[in-house]
């Protein structure tokens, strides 16, 4: 039987850091399945989903905790056997002048509709012509059954107008051409 292990590491960025984490996981019987990693303000931050046979999971966790000796902060959590609720996936794209509170405002609307944020990538970059900071966000959202996408889109568009940002909600299922009968 297999066990899922979620590893979070944070620490000063340096060459070879990901390789060191991967080597330690592999040597202790872990299989690297999925990850999200970034260098942020000189710090490395990563989240990794590992899988291991249940009988070696404790040894894998111990081996991963040894990364703390390399100057990393380590958090380990075992995955749940509870299956996630069925959700419809939609994509959200946002761009606008940077200001505090954009993420909180958007996610508050999503929470009111019981929509989960499955992935979120954000960046603040200078605009090409003016150099003003522009905030960019792209998210994959999990929309539960019964949530009206049109109402969600209306609420998000109203907020986008208030924030003066461009926001698009893409539903891949709605955008696919219907099969010919």
N, C-alpha and C. Protein backbone atom coordinates (compact mmCIF):
# COMPACT_ATOMS: atom_id res chain seq x y z
N UNK A 1 0.84 -1.18 0.00
CA UNK A 1 0.00 0.00 0.00
C UNK A 1 0.89 1.25 0.00
N UNK A 2 0.42 2.28 -0.66
CA UNK A 2 1.20 3.51 -0.79
C UNK A 2 0.66 4.60 0.12
N UNK A 3 1.55 5.47 0.55
CA UNK A 3 1.21 6.63 1.38
C UNK A 3 1.69 7.89 0.67
N UNK A 4 0.85 8.91 0.67
CA UNK A 4 1.23 10.21 0.12
C UNK A 4 1.83 11.07 1.22
N UNK A 5 2.91 11.76 0.88
CA UNK A 5 3.58 12.66 1.83
C UNK A 5 3.76 14.00 1.15
N UNK A 6 3.29 15.04 1.83
CA UNK A 6 3.45 16.40 1.32
C UNK A 6 4.59 17.05 2.10
N UNK A 7 5.59 17.50 1.37
CA UNK A 7 6.78 18.13 1.95
C UNK A 7 6.79 19.60 1.57
N UNK A 8 6.97 20.46 2.56
CA UNK A 8 7.16 21.88 2.31
C UNK A 8 8.55 22.26 2.83
N UNK A 9 9.33 22.92 1.99
CA UNK A 9 10.67 23.37 2.39
C UNK A 9 10.83 24.85 2.06
N UNK A 10 11.47 25.56 2.97
CA UNK A 10 11.77 26.97 2.78
C UNK A 10 13.16 27.23 3.33
N UNK A 11 13.94 28.00 2.59
CA UNK A 11 15.27 28.34 3.08
C UNK A 11 16.03 29.15 2.05
N UNK A 12 17.23 29.58 2.41
CA UNK A 12 18.05 30.37 1.49
C UNK A 12 18.28 29.61 0.18
N UNK A 13 18.06 30.29 -0.94
CA UNK A 13 18.23 29.65 -2.25
C UNK A 13 19.71 29.43 -2.52
N UNK A 14 20.00 28.32 -3.19
CA UNK A 14 21.37 28.02 -3.59
C UNK A 14 21.32 26.93 -4.67
N UNK A 15 22.32 26.89 -5.53
CA UNK A 15 22.38 25.84 -6.55
C UNK A 15 22.44 24.46 -5.89
N UNK A 16 21.74 23.50 -6.48
CA UNK A 16 21.77 22.12 -5.99
C UNK A 16 20.76 21.80 -4.91
N UNK A 17 19.99 22.79 -4.49
CA UNK A 17 19.04 22.57 -3.40
C UNK A 17 17.97 21.56 -3.78
N UNK A 18 17.36 21.70 -4.95
CA UNK A 18 16.33 20.76 -5.39
C UNK A 18 16.93 19.37 -5.56
N UNK A 19 18.12 19.30 -6.10
CA UNK A 19 18.79 18.01 -6.26
C UNK A 19 19.01 17.32 -4.92
N UNK A 20 19.39 18.09 -3.89
CA UNK A 20 19.60 17.53 -2.56
C UNK A 20 18.30 16.98 -1.97
N UNK A 21 17.21 17.71 -2.16
CA UNK A 21 15.91 17.24 -1.67
C UNK A 21 15.51 15.97 -2.41
N UNK A 22 15.66 15.99 -3.73
CA UNK A 22 15.27 14.83 -4.54
C UNK A 22 16.11 13.60 -4.20
N UNK A 23 17.41 13.78 -4.00
CA UNK A 23 18.29 12.66 -3.67
C UNK A 23 17.91 12.04 -2.33
N UNK A 24 17.63 12.90 -1.35
CA UNK A 24 17.27 12.40 -0.02
C UNK A 24 15.95 11.63 -0.10
N UNK A 25 14.99 12.16 -0.84
CA UNK A 25 13.69 11.49 -0.97
C UNK A 25 13.85 10.14 -1.66
N UNK A 26 14.60 10.12 -2.74
CA UNK A 26 14.78 8.87 -3.48
C UNK A 26 15.51 7.82 -2.65
N UNK A 27 16.57 8.23 -1.96
CA UNK A 27 17.35 7.29 -1.16
C UNK A 27 16.52 6.65 -0.05
N UNK A 28 15.50 7.36 0.42
CA UNK A 28 14.67 6.85 1.51
C UNK A 28 13.40 6.16 0.99
N UNK A 29 13.31 5.96 -0.33
CA UNK A 29 12.18 5.22 -0.88
C UNK A 29 11.02 6.07 -1.36
N UNK A 30 11.23 7.37 -1.48
CA UNK A 30 10.15 8.24 -1.95
C UNK A 30 10.15 8.39 -3.46
N UNK A 31 8.96 8.51 -4.01
CA UNK A 31 8.79 8.76 -5.44
C UNK A 31 8.20 10.16 -5.60
N UNK A 32 8.89 11.02 -6.32
CA UNK A 32 8.51 12.42 -6.54
C UNK A 32 7.38 12.45 -7.57
N UNK A 33 6.18 12.90 -7.17
CA UNK A 33 5.04 12.92 -8.07
C UNK A 33 4.72 14.30 -8.63
N UNK A 34 4.76 15.30 -7.78
CA UNK A 34 4.29 16.62 -8.17
C UNK A 34 4.97 17.66 -7.31
N UNK A 35 5.18 18.87 -7.86
CA UNK A 35 5.80 19.91 -7.05
C UNK A 35 5.49 21.30 -7.59
N UNK A 36 5.62 22.27 -6.71
CA UNK A 36 5.55 23.68 -7.06
C UNK A 36 6.72 24.33 -6.31
N UNK A 37 7.56 25.04 -7.03
CA UNK A 37 8.75 25.62 -6.43
C UNK A 37 8.99 27.01 -6.99
N UNK A 38 9.59 27.86 -6.15
CA UNK A 38 9.89 29.21 -6.61
C UNK A 38 11.01 29.81 -5.76
N UNK A 39 11.73 30.74 -6.37
CA UNK A 39 12.70 31.56 -5.66
C UNK A 39 11.99 32.88 -5.43
N UNK A 40 11.84 33.26 -4.17
CA UNK A 40 11.13 34.48 -3.81
C UNK A 40 12.00 35.28 -2.86
N UNK A 41 12.43 36.46 -3.28
CA UNK A 41 13.23 37.36 -2.45
C UNK A 41 14.44 36.67 -1.84
N UNK A 42 15.13 35.87 -2.65
CA UNK A 42 16.35 35.19 -2.19
C UNK A 42 16.11 33.91 -1.40
N UNK A 43 14.86 33.58 -1.20
CA UNK A 43 14.52 32.35 -0.47
C UNK A 43 13.93 31.34 -1.45
N UNK A 44 14.21 30.08 -1.20
CA UNK A 44 13.63 29.00 -1.98
C UNK A 44 12.40 28.51 -1.21
N UNK A 45 11.31 28.33 -1.92
CA UNK A 45 10.10 27.77 -1.31
C UNK A 45 9.58 26.67 -2.22
N UNK A 46 9.31 25.52 -1.65
CA UNK A 46 8.83 24.41 -2.46
C UNK A 46 7.83 23.56 -1.71
N UNK A 47 6.89 23.03 -2.48
CA UNK A 47 5.93 22.06 -1.98
C UNK A 47 6.03 20.86 -2.90
N UNK A 48 6.20 19.67 -2.32
CA UNK A 48 6.41 18.46 -3.09
C UNK A 48 5.46 17.38 -2.61
N UNK A 49 4.83 16.70 -3.56
CA UNK A 49 4.03 15.52 -3.24
C UNK A 49 4.88 14.30 -3.54
N UNK A 50 5.14 13.53 -2.51
CA UNK A 50 5.90 12.29 -2.64
C UNK A 50 4.98 11.12 -2.35
N UNK A 51 5.36 9.96 -2.84
CA UNK A 51 4.62 8.74 -2.55
C UNK A 51 5.64 7.69 -2.13
N UNK A 52 5.26 6.87 -1.16
CA UNK A 52 6.15 5.82 -0.69
C UNK A 52 5.33 4.65 -0.21
N UNK A 53 5.94 3.49 -0.22
CA UNK A 53 5.29 2.33 0.39
C UNK A 53 5.06 2.66 1.86
N UNK A 54 3.94 2.25 2.39
CA UNK A 54 3.57 2.58 3.77
C UNK A 54 4.64 2.13 4.77
N UNK A 55 5.28 0.99 4.51
CA UNK A 55 6.27 0.48 5.47
C UNK A 55 7.56 1.30 5.51
N UNK A 56 7.80 2.19 4.53
CA UNK A 56 8.99 3.04 4.57
C UNK A 56 8.66 4.52 4.80
N UNK A 57 7.39 4.84 4.96
CA UNK A 57 6.97 6.24 5.09
C UNK A 57 7.61 6.92 6.30
N UNK A 58 7.68 6.23 7.45
CA UNK A 58 8.30 6.82 8.64
C UNK A 58 9.78 7.13 8.39
N UNK A 59 10.50 6.20 7.74
CA UNK A 59 11.91 6.42 7.44
C UNK A 59 12.08 7.58 6.45
N UNK A 60 11.17 7.68 5.48
CA UNK A 60 11.22 8.78 4.53
C UNK A 60 11.04 10.11 5.25
N UNK A 61 10.08 10.17 6.15
CA UNK A 61 9.87 11.41 6.91
C UNK A 61 11.11 11.78 7.71
N UNK A 62 11.72 10.80 8.35
CA UNK A 62 12.94 11.07 9.14
C UNK A 62 14.06 11.59 8.24
N UNK A 63 14.22 10.99 7.08
CA UNK A 63 15.26 11.42 6.15
C UNK A 63 15.00 12.85 5.67
N UNK A 64 13.74 13.17 5.42
CA UNK A 64 13.41 14.53 4.96
C UNK A 64 13.63 15.56 6.06
N UNK A 65 13.39 15.18 7.30
CA UNK A 65 13.62 16.11 8.42
C UNK A 65 15.10 16.45 8.57
N UNK A 66 15.98 15.59 8.08
CA UNK A 66 17.42 15.86 8.14
C UNK A 66 17.80 17.06 7.28
N UNK A 67 16.91 17.46 6.36
CA UNK A 67 17.17 18.66 5.55
C UNK A 67 17.25 19.91 6.41
N UNK A 68 16.67 19.85 7.61
CA UNK A 68 16.76 21.00 8.52
C UNK A 68 18.20 21.30 8.88
N UNK A 69 19.07 20.28 8.87
CA UNK A 69 20.49 20.48 9.12
C UNK A 69 21.18 21.24 8.01
N UNK A 70 20.53 21.31 6.84
CA UNK A 70 21.07 22.06 5.71
C UNK A 70 20.52 23.49 5.66
N UNK A 71 19.88 23.93 6.75
CA UNK A 71 19.37 25.30 6.81
C UNK A 71 17.97 25.49 6.26
N UNK A 72 17.25 24.41 6.03
CA UNK A 72 15.89 24.51 5.51
C UNK A 72 14.87 24.33 6.62
N UNK A 73 13.76 25.03 6.49
CA UNK A 73 12.61 24.77 7.35
C UNK A 73 11.79 23.71 6.64
N UNK A 74 11.41 22.67 7.37
CA UNK A 74 10.73 21.52 6.77
C UNK A 74 9.41 21.28 7.48
N UNK A 75 8.37 21.12 6.69
CA UNK A 75 7.07 20.69 7.21
C UNK A 75 6.67 19.44 6.43
N UNK A 76 6.14 18.45 7.12
CA UNK A 76 5.73 17.21 6.48
C UNK A 76 4.31 16.88 6.94
N UNK A 77 3.50 16.51 5.97
CA UNK A 77 2.11 16.13 6.26
C UNK A 77 1.77 14.92 5.41
N UNK A 78 1.14 13.94 6.01
CA UNK A 78 0.69 12.79 5.23
C UNK A 78 -0.61 13.13 4.53
N UNK A 79 -0.75 12.59 3.33
CA UNK A 79 -1.97 12.81 2.55
C UNK A 79 -3.15 12.09 3.18
N UNK A 80 -4.30 12.50 2.74
CA UNK A 80 -5.55 11.95 3.27
C UNK A 80 -6.10 10.90 2.32
N UNK A 81 -6.75 9.90 2.88
CA UNK A 81 -7.43 8.89 2.06
C UNK A 81 -8.80 9.37 1.62
N UNK A 82 -9.24 10.50 2.17
CA UNK A 82 -10.55 11.04 1.83
C UNK A 82 -10.47 11.62 0.43
N UNK A 83 -11.37 11.19 -0.44
CA UNK A 83 -11.35 11.71 -1.80
C UNK A 83 -11.90 13.13 -1.83
N UNK A 84 -11.30 13.93 -2.67
CA UNK A 84 -11.71 15.33 -2.81
C UNK A 84 -13.08 15.38 -3.49
N UNK A 85 -13.88 16.38 -3.15
CA UNK A 85 -15.17 16.50 -3.82
C UNK A 85 -14.99 16.77 -5.32
N UNK A 86 -15.95 16.31 -6.09
CA UNK A 86 -15.91 16.53 -7.54
C UNK A 86 -16.10 18.01 -7.81
N UNK A 87 -15.18 18.56 -8.57
CA UNK A 87 -15.24 19.99 -8.89
C UNK A 87 -15.03 20.17 -10.38
N UNK A 88 -15.68 21.18 -10.90
CA UNK A 88 -15.53 21.59 -12.30
C UNK A 88 -14.37 22.60 -12.33
N UNK A 89 -13.43 22.42 -13.23
CA UNK A 89 -12.26 23.29 -13.29
C UNK A 89 -12.46 24.44 -14.27
N UNK A 90 -12.20 25.64 -13.79
CA UNK A 90 -12.20 26.83 -14.64
C UNK A 90 -10.93 27.62 -14.35
N UNK A 91 -10.53 28.44 -15.32
CA UNK A 91 -9.32 29.24 -15.19
C UNK A 91 -9.70 30.71 -15.02
N UNK A 92 -8.96 31.40 -14.18
CA UNK A 92 -9.14 32.83 -13.96
C UNK A 92 -7.84 33.53 -14.33
N UNK A 93 -7.95 34.56 -15.15
CA UNK A 93 -6.80 35.40 -15.51
C UNK A 93 -7.12 36.83 -15.11
N UNK A 94 -6.16 37.49 -14.48
CA UNK A 94 -6.37 38.85 -14.01
C UNK A 94 -5.11 39.66 -14.26
N UNK A 95 -5.30 40.91 -14.68
CA UNK A 95 -4.17 41.83 -14.80
C UNK A 95 -4.69 43.23 -14.49
N UNK A 96 -3.90 43.99 -13.75
CA UNK A 96 -4.27 45.36 -13.41
C UNK A 96 -3.16 46.05 -12.66
N UNK A 97 -3.32 47.34 -12.44
CA UNK A 97 -2.34 48.09 -11.66
C UNK A 97 -2.26 47.49 -10.27
N UNK A 98 -1.04 47.33 -9.79
CA UNK A 98 -0.85 46.71 -8.49
C UNK A 98 -1.36 47.61 -7.37
N UNK A 99 -1.97 46.97 -6.38
CA UNK A 99 -2.38 47.65 -5.16
C UNK A 99 -2.64 46.58 -4.11
N UNK A 100 -2.49 46.89 -2.84
CA UNK A 100 -2.74 45.90 -1.79
C UNK A 100 -4.21 45.45 -1.81
N UNK A 101 -4.42 44.16 -1.57
CA UNK A 101 -5.76 43.64 -1.38
C UNK A 101 -6.40 42.95 -2.56
N UNK A 102 -5.76 42.93 -3.72
CA UNK A 102 -6.38 42.31 -4.89
C UNK A 102 -6.67 40.84 -4.63
N UNK A 103 -5.69 40.10 -4.15
CA UNK A 103 -5.89 38.66 -3.92
C UNK A 103 -6.98 38.43 -2.89
N UNK A 104 -6.98 39.20 -1.82
CA UNK A 104 -8.00 39.02 -0.78
C UNK A 104 -9.38 39.32 -1.33
N UNK A 105 -9.52 40.39 -2.10
CA UNK A 105 -10.83 40.75 -2.64
C UNK A 105 -11.38 39.68 -3.58
N UNK A 106 -10.52 39.19 -4.47
CA UNK A 106 -10.96 38.17 -5.44
C UNK A 106 -11.30 36.86 -4.72
N UNK A 107 -10.43 36.44 -3.80
CA UNK A 107 -10.67 35.16 -3.11
C UNK A 107 -11.87 35.24 -2.17
N UNK A 108 -12.21 36.43 -1.69
CA UNK A 108 -13.42 36.57 -0.87
C UNK A 108 -14.67 36.26 -1.71
N UNK A 109 -14.69 36.74 -2.95
CA UNK A 109 -15.82 36.43 -3.85
C UNK A 109 -15.85 34.93 -4.12
N UNK A 110 -14.71 34.34 -4.39
CA UNK A 110 -14.66 32.89 -4.64
C UNK A 110 -15.16 32.11 -3.44
N UNK A 111 -14.75 32.51 -2.24
CA UNK A 111 -15.18 31.81 -1.03
C UNK A 111 -16.69 31.92 -0.83
N UNK A 112 -17.28 33.07 -1.13
CA UNK A 112 -18.74 33.23 -1.00
C UNK A 112 -19.49 32.25 -1.89
N UNK A 113 -18.85 31.86 -3.00
CA UNK A 113 -19.47 30.91 -3.93
C UNK A 113 -18.98 29.48 -3.68
N UNK A 114 -18.22 29.26 -2.60
CA UNK A 114 -17.66 27.93 -2.25
C UNK A 114 -16.71 27.40 -3.32
N UNK A 115 -16.06 28.30 -4.03
CA UNK A 115 -15.12 27.93 -5.08
C UNK A 115 -13.73 27.83 -4.47
N UNK A 116 -13.04 26.73 -4.74
CA UNK A 116 -11.70 26.51 -4.21
C UNK A 116 -10.62 26.97 -5.18
N UNK A 117 -9.54 27.50 -4.63
CA UNK A 117 -8.37 27.87 -5.44
C UNK A 117 -7.45 26.65 -5.45
N UNK A 118 -7.30 26.03 -6.61
CA UNK A 118 -6.48 24.82 -6.72
C UNK A 118 -5.03 25.16 -7.03
N UNK A 119 -4.82 26.14 -7.89
CA UNK A 119 -3.47 26.67 -8.12
C UNK A 119 -3.60 28.19 -8.28
N UNK A 120 -2.58 28.89 -7.87
CA UNK A 120 -2.56 30.34 -8.01
C UNK A 120 -1.13 30.78 -8.28
N UNK A 121 -0.93 31.45 -9.40
CA UNK A 121 0.37 32.01 -9.75
C UNK A 121 0.18 33.51 -9.90
N UNK A 122 1.00 34.27 -9.19
CA UNK A 122 0.92 35.73 -9.25
C UNK A 122 2.30 36.32 -9.49
N UNK A 123 2.31 37.51 -10.06
CA UNK A 123 3.56 38.24 -10.26
C UNK A 123 3.24 39.72 -10.36
N UNK A 124 4.19 40.53 -9.98
CA UNK A 124 4.07 41.97 -10.13
C UNK A 124 5.25 42.40 -10.99
N UNK A 125 4.93 42.94 -12.18
CA UNK A 125 5.96 43.29 -13.15
C UNK A 125 5.70 44.68 -13.70
N UNK A 126 6.74 45.38 -14.13
CA UNK A 126 6.54 46.71 -14.70
C UNK A 126 5.81 46.62 -16.05
N UNK A 127 4.89 47.55 -16.26
CA UNK A 127 4.17 47.62 -17.54
C UNK A 127 5.16 47.98 -18.64
N UNK A 128 4.92 47.48 -19.84
CA UNK A 128 5.88 47.65 -20.93
C UNK A 128 6.08 49.12 -21.33
N UNK A 129 5.04 49.90 -21.35
CA UNK A 129 5.18 51.29 -21.81
C UNK A 129 5.46 52.27 -20.67
N UNK A 130 4.81 52.09 -19.54
CA UNK A 130 4.91 53.09 -18.47
C UNK A 130 5.86 52.69 -17.35
N UNK A 131 6.13 51.40 -17.21
CA UNK A 131 6.97 50.94 -16.12
C UNK A 131 6.24 50.83 -14.80
N UNK A 132 4.94 51.19 -14.78
CA UNK A 132 4.16 51.08 -13.54
C UNK A 132 3.99 49.61 -13.17
N UNK A 133 3.97 49.30 -11.87
CA UNK A 133 3.80 47.90 -11.48
C UNK A 133 2.41 47.37 -11.84
N UNK A 134 2.41 46.25 -12.57
CA UNK A 134 1.17 45.58 -12.96
C UNK A 134 1.11 44.23 -12.26
N UNK A 135 -0.05 43.96 -11.68
CA UNK A 135 -0.26 42.70 -10.98
C UNK A 135 -0.90 41.72 -11.95
N UNK A 136 -0.33 40.52 -12.03
CA UNK A 136 -0.85 39.45 -12.88
C UNK A 136 -1.19 38.25 -11.99
N UNK A 137 -2.32 37.63 -12.25
CA UNK A 137 -2.70 36.42 -11.52
C UNK A 137 -3.34 35.44 -12.48
N UNK A 138 -2.99 34.18 -12.30
CA UNK A 138 -3.64 33.11 -13.04
C UNK A 138 -3.94 32.02 -12.02
N UNK A 139 -5.19 31.56 -12.04
CA UNK A 139 -5.60 30.55 -11.06
C UNK A 139 -6.43 29.48 -11.73
N UNK A 140 -6.26 28.26 -11.24
CA UNK A 140 -7.18 27.19 -11.59
C UNK A 140 -8.13 27.07 -10.41
N UNK A 141 -9.41 27.14 -10.70
CA UNK A 141 -10.43 27.12 -9.67
C UNK A 141 -11.20 25.82 -9.72
N UNK A 142 -11.62 25.35 -8.57
CA UNK A 142 -12.47 24.17 -8.47
C UNK A 142 -13.87 24.62 -8.07
N UNK A 143 -14.81 24.49 -8.99
CA UNK A 143 -16.18 24.96 -8.77
C UNK A 143 -17.05 23.74 -8.44
N UNK A 144 -17.67 23.73 -7.25
CA UNK A 144 -18.51 22.59 -6.89
C UNK A 144 -19.78 22.52 -7.75
N UNK A 145 -20.32 21.31 -7.82
CA UNK A 145 -21.59 21.14 -8.52
C UNK A 145 -22.63 22.06 -7.91
N UNK A 146 -23.49 22.59 -8.75
CA UNK A 146 -24.57 23.44 -8.27
C UNK A 146 -24.26 24.91 -8.24
N UNK A 147 -22.97 25.28 -8.40
CA UNK A 147 -22.62 26.69 -8.44
C UNK A 147 -22.87 27.21 -9.85
N UNK A 148 -23.62 28.28 -9.96
CA UNK A 148 -23.95 28.87 -11.24
C UNK A 148 -22.76 29.71 -11.72
N UNK A 149 -22.12 29.25 -12.80
CA UNK A 149 -20.93 29.95 -13.32
C UNK A 149 -21.25 31.35 -13.81
N UNK A 150 -22.45 31.55 -14.33
CA UNK A 150 -22.81 32.89 -14.81
C UNK A 150 -22.89 33.88 -13.64
N UNK A 151 -23.46 33.45 -12.53
CA UNK A 151 -23.54 34.31 -11.34
C UNK A 151 -22.14 34.58 -10.79
N UNK A 152 -21.30 33.54 -10.75
CA UNK A 152 -19.92 33.72 -10.30
C UNK A 152 -19.22 34.74 -11.20
N UNK A 153 -19.36 34.59 -12.50
CA UNK A 153 -18.71 35.51 -13.43
C UNK A 153 -19.23 36.92 -13.24
N UNK A 154 -20.53 37.08 -13.06
CA UNK A 154 -21.11 38.42 -12.84
C UNK A 154 -20.51 39.07 -11.59
N UNK A 155 -20.40 38.30 -10.50
CA UNK A 155 -19.83 38.84 -9.26
C UNK A 155 -18.36 39.21 -9.42
N UNK A 156 -17.60 38.36 -10.13
CA UNK A 156 -16.19 38.65 -10.37
C UNK A 156 -16.02 39.87 -11.27
N UNK A 157 -16.86 40.00 -12.29
CA UNK A 157 -16.77 41.16 -13.19
C UNK A 157 -17.12 42.45 -12.47
N UNK A 158 -18.12 42.40 -11.57
CA UNK A 158 -18.47 43.59 -10.79
C UNK A 158 -17.28 44.02 -9.93
N UNK A 159 -16.61 43.07 -9.30
CA UNK A 159 -15.44 43.39 -8.50
C UNK A 159 -14.30 43.89 -9.39
N UNK A 160 -14.10 43.28 -10.54
CA UNK A 160 -13.04 43.71 -11.45
C UNK A 160 -13.24 45.17 -11.86
N UNK A 161 -14.49 45.55 -12.10
CA UNK A 161 -14.78 46.95 -12.44
C UNK A 161 -14.44 47.87 -11.28
N UNK A 162 -14.77 47.44 -10.08
CA UNK A 162 -14.48 48.23 -8.87
C UNK A 162 -12.97 48.37 -8.67
N UNK A 163 -12.23 47.28 -8.90
CA UNK A 163 -10.78 47.28 -8.72
C UNK A 163 -10.04 47.88 -9.91
N UNK A 164 -10.76 48.06 -11.02
CA UNK A 164 -10.18 48.54 -12.27
C UNK A 164 -9.08 47.59 -12.76
N UNK A 165 -9.43 46.29 -12.84
CA UNK A 165 -8.54 45.27 -13.37
C UNK A 165 -9.27 44.53 -14.48
N UNK A 166 -8.51 43.90 -15.36
CA UNK A 166 -9.09 43.03 -16.39
C UNK A 166 -9.13 41.63 -15.82
N UNK A 167 -10.28 40.99 -15.91
CA UNK A 167 -10.45 39.66 -15.36
C UNK A 167 -11.23 38.81 -16.35
N UNK A 168 -10.72 37.62 -16.60
CA UNK A 168 -11.40 36.68 -17.50
C UNK A 168 -11.55 35.35 -16.79
N UNK A 169 -12.71 34.76 -16.93
CA UNK A 169 -12.99 33.43 -16.40
C UNK A 169 -13.17 32.52 -17.61
N UNK A 170 -12.34 31.50 -17.71
CA UNK A 170 -12.39 30.57 -18.85
C UNK A 170 -12.92 29.23 -18.37
N UNK A 171 -13.92 28.74 -19.06
CA UNK A 171 -14.46 27.42 -18.76
C UNK A 171 -14.13 26.52 -19.95
N UNK A 172 -13.12 25.67 -19.84
CA UNK A 172 -12.72 24.83 -20.98
C UNK A 172 -13.87 23.96 -21.52
N UNK A 173 -14.77 23.55 -20.66
CA UNK A 173 -15.88 22.71 -21.12
C UNK A 173 -16.86 23.51 -21.98
N UNK A 174 -17.07 24.77 -21.65
CA UNK A 174 -17.98 25.61 -22.43
C UNK A 174 -17.34 26.04 -23.75
N UNK A 175 -16.01 26.11 -23.77
CA UNK A 175 -15.31 26.62 -24.94
C UNK A 175 -15.05 25.55 -25.99
N UNK A 176 -15.27 24.26 -25.65
CA UNK A 176 -15.04 23.18 -26.59
C UNK A 176 -16.23 23.12 -27.57
N UNK A 177 -15.93 22.96 -28.85
CA UNK A 177 -17.03 22.84 -29.81
C UNK A 177 -17.80 21.55 -29.56
N UNK A 178 -19.10 21.63 -29.73
CA UNK A 178 -19.93 20.45 -29.53
C UNK A 178 -19.68 19.45 -30.65
N UNK A 179 -19.73 18.18 -30.30
CA UNK A 179 -19.52 17.12 -31.28
C UNK A 179 -20.72 17.08 -32.24
N UNK A 180 -20.40 16.80 -33.48
CA UNK A 180 -21.47 16.70 -34.49
C UNK A 180 -22.28 15.44 -34.23
N UNK A 181 -23.59 15.56 -34.42
CA UNK A 181 -24.47 14.41 -34.16
C UNK A 181 -24.57 13.52 -35.37
